[in-house]
Protein backbone atom coordinates (compact mmCIF):
# COMPACT_ATOMS: atom_id res chain seq x y z
CA MET A 1 3.99 24.85 2.86
CA ALA A 2 4.21 22.07 0.19
CA GLY A 3 3.28 23.76 -3.38
CA ILE A 4 0.86 21.54 -5.92
CA GLU A 5 4.59 20.79 -7.92
CA ASP A 6 5.22 18.92 -5.19
CA PHE A 7 2.24 16.74 -5.44
CA ASP A 8 2.41 16.13 -8.71
CA LYS A 9 5.45 14.83 -8.38
CA LEU A 10 4.00 12.21 -6.14
CA ASP A 11 2.81 8.91 -8.35
CA LEU A 12 -0.58 7.48 -6.24
CA ARG A 13 -1.75 5.01 -7.97
CA ILE A 14 -5.11 2.31 -6.94
CA GLY A 15 -3.65 -0.78 -6.84
CA THR A 16 -5.73 -4.16 -5.87
CA ILE A 17 -4.19 -6.79 -3.27
CA LEU A 18 -4.42 -10.08 -5.07
CA SER A 19 -1.89 -11.79 -1.59
CA ALA A 20 -1.05 -11.14 1.95
CA ARG A 21 1.36 -13.38 4.79
CA ALA A 22 3.07 -12.92 7.12
CA HIS A 23 6.30 -10.46 7.04
CA PRO A 24 8.58 -12.86 9.84
CA THR A 25 11.47 -10.79 9.58
CA ALA A 26 9.99 -7.26 10.44
CA LYS A 27 10.61 -5.79 13.00
CA LYS A 28 7.39 -4.54 13.54
CA PRO A 29 4.48 -6.62 12.98
CA ALA A 30 3.37 -6.39 9.67
CA TYR A 31 2.27 -7.94 5.72
CA GLN A 32 4.41 -9.18 2.77
CA LEU A 33 0.94 -7.85 -0.45
CA GLU A 34 1.39 -8.47 -3.15
CA ILE A 35 -0.39 -5.98 -4.99
CA ASP A 36 -2.04 -5.24 -8.81
CA PHE A 37 -1.34 -1.96 -10.59
CA GLY A 38 -2.68 -2.26 -13.55
CA THR A 39 -0.42 -1.54 -16.53
CA LEU A 40 2.51 -0.79 -13.76
CA GLY A 41 2.76 -4.53 -13.08
CA ILE A 42 2.47 -6.61 -9.78
CA LYS A 43 4.39 -4.69 -6.43
CA TRP A 44 4.81 -5.69 -3.88
CA SER A 45 4.21 -3.78 -0.49
CA SER A 46 5.92 -4.38 3.22
CA ALA A 47 2.66 -3.43 5.79
CA GLN A 48 2.07 -2.54 9.48
CA LEU A 49 -1.78 -3.76 9.50
CA THR A 50 -2.13 -6.95 11.50
CA THR A 51 -3.65 -4.71 14.33
CA LEU A 52 -7.24 -4.50 12.25
CA TYR A 53 -6.65 -6.51 9.60
CA ALA A 54 -6.25 -10.12 9.36
CA ALA A 55 -4.58 -11.27 5.62
CA ASP A 56 -7.15 -12.98 3.97
CA ASP A 57 -9.67 -9.95 4.33
CA LEU A 58 -7.25 -7.84 2.95
CA VAL A 59 -6.91 -9.80 -0.44
CA GLY A 60 -9.37 -7.64 -3.31
CA LEU A 61 -9.30 -3.99 -1.69
CA GLN A 62 -8.71 -1.66 -3.75
CA ILE A 63 -5.89 0.93 -2.24
CA VAL A 64 -4.07 4.24 -2.61
CA ALA A 65 -0.40 3.65 -2.75
CA VAL A 66 3.07 5.65 -3.80
CA THR A 67 4.17 4.09 -6.63
CA ASN A 68 7.22 6.11 -7.39
CA PHE A 69 9.31 6.37 -4.30
CA PRO A 70 12.51 4.56 -4.53
CA PRO A 71 12.34 0.85 -2.82
CA ARG A 72 12.75 0.27 0.34
CA LYS A 73 14.31 -2.62 2.40
CA ILE A 74 12.22 -3.84 5.46
CA GLY A 75 13.62 -6.79 7.07
CA SER A 76 14.68 -9.42 4.21
CA PHE A 77 12.36 -8.24 1.90
CA VAL A 78 12.18 -5.21 -0.20
CA SER A 79 9.04 -3.44 -0.53
CA GLU A 80 8.95 -1.01 -3.75
CA VAL A 81 5.41 0.59 -2.80
CA LEU A 82 4.35 3.16 0.00
CA VAL A 83 0.61 2.08 0.68
CA LEU A 84 -1.20 4.93 2.52
CA GLY A 85 -3.86 5.18 5.59
CA ALA A 86 -4.66 6.71 8.24
CA LEU A 87 -2.75 6.77 11.21
CA GLU A 88 -3.48 8.99 13.94
CA ASP A 89 -5.98 7.76 16.79
CA HIS A 90 -6.73 4.63 15.98
CA ASP A 91 -5.80 1.18 17.43
CA GLY A 92 -3.54 0.43 14.32
CA VAL A 93 -3.45 2.18 10.70
CA ILE A 94 -6.66 2.79 8.78
CA LEU A 95 -6.36 1.68 5.00
CA LEU A 96 -6.87 4.08 1.73
CA THR A 97 -9.13 2.44 -0.07
CA THR A 98 -11.69 3.22 -2.93
CA GLU A 99 -16.06 3.74 -2.60
CA ARG A 100 -16.28 2.59 -6.00
CA PRO A 101 -14.33 -0.29 -8.27
CA ALA A 102 -11.72 1.88 -9.73
CA ALA A 103 -9.28 -0.02 -12.50
CA PRO A 104 -5.72 -0.93 -11.47
CA GLY A 105 -3.87 1.25 -11.75
CA ASP A 106 -5.78 4.56 -11.58
CA ARG A 107 -3.62 7.91 -11.60
CA ILE A 108 -5.25 9.41 -8.11
CA GLY A 109 -5.28 13.68 -8.84
């Protein structure tokens, strides 16, 4: 079992997607997302969202991401944050989004 101390180690934040484009060097179809995290700045993520989302439909969405994992190279692209979504029993990843507008960089807790 994970304890609250484990959860507290994660820096979960709200980000607003500024742009999304195809990720040509990923092994599985993915997008390169440019995400605004307010005071944390602009971060990039590689996300396998192509099954349920068109790139243009992602722009402006507010998402939840882990912002304190180490950067990870995916193909020739460095992914700086992990965008969160539901994985099981779906045809693709369903993004975790906000129910109301939030400020980019707001902390999840």
